[in-house]
Amino acid sequence: MSTGTPPPLVGTVQDYDPATDTCSVTVDHVGLISPWIDGVPIAQGVSRALLCAGVRCLIQLSDPHSYCSAQVVGLYFGGSIAAYNGGVGGTTTQNGRATLQAAANGFASAAISYAIPYTNPPQVTAVADNGTRLSIQTVTATQFTVTNQVAVAANSYFTISYTATGT
C-alpha cells in the first residue's frame, strides 16, 4: 500500500471568494453524491482570473481520507491548455471575474478588458453571483461593457463571472 500523495481529483468550481482567496468546489465521481467543499484554498500558481463558476479544477488532498485537506492545484479545460486557447478554427475562450460597485442609484457599469485581445468581437456571456440580471453592451475585440438591469443596494459590491469565445 502506497503512503504517498494520492492523485488529484477532478471537480468543478462553484464560486470564488477573493476576500479569503478560497473557493467552493464539488468533487466529481466520488460515490453517488458529489461532495461540496467550501473554503478550499488555492495553490499559488493557479490563475485567479480564471476561477469562476463552472470551471473544472484539479483538487489535491494531502490526506486521502479528509476533504478538509483539499486544495485547488490546477484548472482543467479538457484536453490540453493549447486546445483551450486555440481550439477548432482558432477559437479562443477566456473566463474571468470582476467586481462591480453600484452607485447611489443601485446601478453599476464597467468596461472589462480581455486578457488576450481577439481579432473580431467575441460572443460574451456573464452572470452575477447574486443573481442580478445583467446587460452586455459594446462588445469589441478588446473589451465589453456590462451593467446591471435591476437596481441593487446603493454603493454595494457584486461579483460577475464572464466567458468570451471568439477568434
Protein backbone atom coordinates (compact mmCIF):
# COMPACT_ATOMS: atom_id res chain seq x y z
CA MET A 1 0.00 0.00 0.00
CA SER A 2 1.39 3.38 -1.05
CA THR A 3 1.80 6.10 1.58
CA GLY A 4 2.49 8.87 -0.98
CA THR A 5 0.23 11.71 -2.02
CA PRO A 6 -2.94 10.49 -3.73
CA PRO A 7 -3.60 11.57 -7.35
CA PRO A 8 -5.61 14.78 -7.79
CA LEU A 9 -9.37 14.61 -8.10
CA VAL A 10 -11.38 16.38 -10.80
CA GLY A 11 -14.03 18.82 -9.62
CA THR A 12 -15.97 21.92 -10.56
CA VAL A 13 -15.55 25.40 -9.10
CA GLN A 14 -18.88 26.63 -7.72
CA ASP A 15 -17.71 30.09 -6.65
CA TYR A 16 -14.59 32.07 -5.77
CA ASP A 17 -14.23 34.42 -2.78
CA PRO A 18 -11.42 36.93 -3.45
CA ALA A 19 -11.64 38.27 0.12
CA THR A 20 -10.49 34.95 1.57
CA ASP A 21 -8.80 33.66 -1.61
CA THR A 22 -10.76 30.42 -1.35
CA CYS A 23 -13.40 28.74 -3.46
CA SER A 24 -16.23 26.24 -3.16
CA VAL A 25 -15.91 23.10 -5.26
CA THR A 26 -17.80 19.92 -5.98
CA VAL A 27 -15.77 16.73 -6.41
CA ASP A 28 -16.74 14.56 -9.39
CA HIS A 29 -17.22 10.79 -9.40
CA VAL A 30 -16.85 10.09 -5.69
CA GLY A 31 -19.68 7.70 -4.89
CA LEU A 32 -23.30 8.53 -5.59
CA ILE A 33 -23.19 12.11 -4.29
CA SER A 34 -20.72 14.76 -5.41
CA PRO A 35 -19.25 16.29 -2.23
CA TRP A 36 -19.44 20.11 -1.95
CA ILE A 37 -16.45 21.62 -0.14
CA ASP A 38 -16.41 25.26 1.00
CA GLY A 39 -13.36 27.36 1.86
CA VAL A 40 -10.91 25.41 -0.29
CA PRO A 41 -7.52 27.18 -0.51
CA ILE A 42 -5.99 27.77 -3.93
CA ALA A 43 -2.39 26.96 -4.83
CA GLN A 44 -0.15 29.91 -5.59
CA GLY A 45 0.31 29.07 -9.29
CA VAL A 46 -3.42 28.94 -10.13
CA SER A 47 -4.72 31.98 -12.02
CA ARG A 48 -7.43 33.70 -10.01
CA ALA A 49 -8.68 35.40 -13.21
CA LEU A 50 -9.91 32.02 -14.48
CA LEU A 51 -11.64 30.96 -11.27
CA CYS A 52 -15.33 31.31 -11.98
CA ALA A 53 -18.41 29.18 -11.53
CA GLY A 54 -18.39 26.11 -13.78
CA VAL A 55 -14.65 25.91 -14.45
CA ARG A 56 -13.25 22.41 -13.98
CA CYS A 57 -10.42 22.09 -11.49
CA LEU A 58 -7.90 19.65 -10.07
CA ILE A 59 -8.17 19.11 -6.32
CA GLN A 60 -5.32 17.67 -4.27
CA LEU A 61 -6.00 16.01 -0.92
CA SER A 62 -2.94 15.83 1.32
CA ASP A 63 -4.88 13.26 3.37
CA PRO A 64 -6.86 10.87 1.15
CA HIS A 65 -9.40 10.37 3.96
CA SER A 66 -10.14 14.05 4.63
CA TYR A 67 -11.79 16.55 2.31
CA CYS A 68 -10.72 19.24 4.81
CA SER A 69 -7.18 18.87 3.41
CA ALA A 70 -8.32 19.81 -0.13
CA GLN A 71 -6.51 22.44 -2.21
CA VAL A 72 -7.20 23.57 -5.79
CA VAL A 73 -3.91 22.91 -7.60
CA GLY A 74 -4.92 23.49 -11.20
CA LEU A 75 -7.67 24.25 -13.67
CA TYR A 76 -8.83 21.66 -16.16
CA PHE A 77 -10.31 22.54 -19.53
CA GLY A 78 -10.44 19.05 -21.01
CA GLY A 79 -7.53 18.15 -23.23
CA SER A 80 -4.56 20.42 -23.12
CA ILE A 81 -4.33 24.12 -22.36
CA ALA A 82 -3.34 24.60 -26.02
CA ALA A 83 -6.73 23.19 -27.03
CA TYR A 84 -8.37 25.66 -24.66
CA ASN A 85 -6.63 28.71 -26.14
CA GLY A 86 -6.52 27.55 -29.75
CA GLY A 87 -9.32 25.15 -30.38
CA VAL A 88 -11.11 24.24 -33.60
CA GLY A 89 -10.86 27.02 -36.17
CA GLY A 90 -8.64 29.14 -33.93
CA THR A 91 -11.42 29.76 -31.40
CA THR A 92 -10.27 31.19 -28.07
CA THR A 93 -12.30 31.09 -24.86
CA GLN A 94 -11.46 33.31 -21.91
CA ASN A 95 -13.13 33.22 -18.50
CA GLY A 96 -12.86 35.90 -15.86
CA ARG A 97 -14.36 37.58 -12.85
CA ALA A 98 -14.91 41.21 -11.99
CA THR A 99 -16.33 43.06 -9.02
CA LEU A 100 -18.64 45.99 -9.72
CA GLN A 101 -19.72 48.71 -7.28
CA ALA A 102 -23.20 50.14 -7.59
CA ALA A 103 -23.69 53.88 -7.47
CA ALA A 104 -26.11 55.62 -5.09
CA ASN A 105 -28.95 54.74 -7.51
CA GLY A 106 -28.13 50.99 -7.30
CA PHE A 107 -26.77 50.63 -10.84
CA ALA A 108 -23.23 49.72 -11.89
CA SER A 109 -21.45 49.71 -15.23
CA ALA A 110 -17.92 48.59 -16.07
CA ALA A 111 -15.75 48.14 -19.15
CA ILE A 112 -13.92 44.82 -18.82
CA SER A 113 -10.86 44.05 -20.96
CA TYR A 114 -9.92 40.56 -22.11
CA ALA A 115 -6.52 39.18 -21.10
CA ILE A 116 -5.86 38.28 -24.75
CA PRO A 117 -7.36 40.54 -27.46
CA TYR A 118 -9.47 38.95 -30.19
CA THR A 119 -9.31 39.61 -33.92
CA ASN A 120 -13.12 40.01 -34.07
CA PRO A 121 -15.59 40.83 -31.28
CA PRO A 122 -16.28 37.58 -29.38
CA GLN A 123 -19.55 36.22 -28.03
CA VAL A 124 -19.76 37.21 -24.35
CA THR A 125 -21.93 35.79 -21.57
CA ALA A 126 -21.93 36.95 -17.96
CA VAL A 127 -23.69 36.04 -14.75
CA ALA A 128 -23.76 37.85 -11.41
CA ASP A 129 -23.05 35.79 -8.30
CA ASN A 130 -26.03 37.39 -6.53
CA GLY A 131 -28.42 36.63 -9.42
CA THR A 132 -28.77 40.24 -10.59
CA ARG A 133 -29.83 40.45 -14.26
CA LEU A 134 -27.03 41.83 -16.42
CA SER A 135 -26.85 43.54 -19.79
CA ILE A 136 -23.78 43.18 -22.01
CA GLN A 137 -23.15 46.12 -24.32
CA THR A 138 -20.43 47.48 -26.59
CA VAL A 139 -18.58 44.25 -27.29
CA THR A 140 -15.29 44.91 -29.11
CA ALA A 141 -12.21 42.80 -29.85
CA THR A 142 -10.53 44.12 -26.67
CA GLN A 143 -13.32 44.66 -24.11
CA PHE A 144 -17.03 44.68 -23.32
CA THR A 145 -19.28 46.76 -21.08
CA VAL A 146 -21.60 45.18 -18.53
CA THR A 147 -24.37 46.84 -16.49
CA ASN A 148 -26.96 45.54 -14.06
CA GLN A 149 -30.58 45.79 -15.27
CA VAL A 150 -32.17 45.81 -11.82
CA ALA A 151 -31.02 48.11 -9.01
CA VAL A 152 -29.11 46.60 -6.10
CA ALA A 153 -28.40 48.19 -2.71
CA ALA A 154 -26.79 51.63 -3.02
CA ASN A 155 -22.98 51.56 -3.07
CA SER A 156 -22.91 47.76 -2.73
CA TYR A 157 -20.48 45.43 -4.47
CA PHE A 158 -21.32 42.35 -6.53
CA THR A 159 -19.14 39.95 -8.49
CA ILE A 160 -19.71 38.63 -12.00
CA SER A 161 -18.24 35.72 -13.92
CA TYR A 162 -17.90 36.01 -17.68
CA THR A 163 -16.92 33.90 -20.67
CA ALA A 164 -15.82 35.31 -24.04
CA THR A 165 -15.48 33.00 -27.05
CA GLY A 166 -14.27 34.07 -30.47
CA THR A 167 -11.42 34.33 -32.94
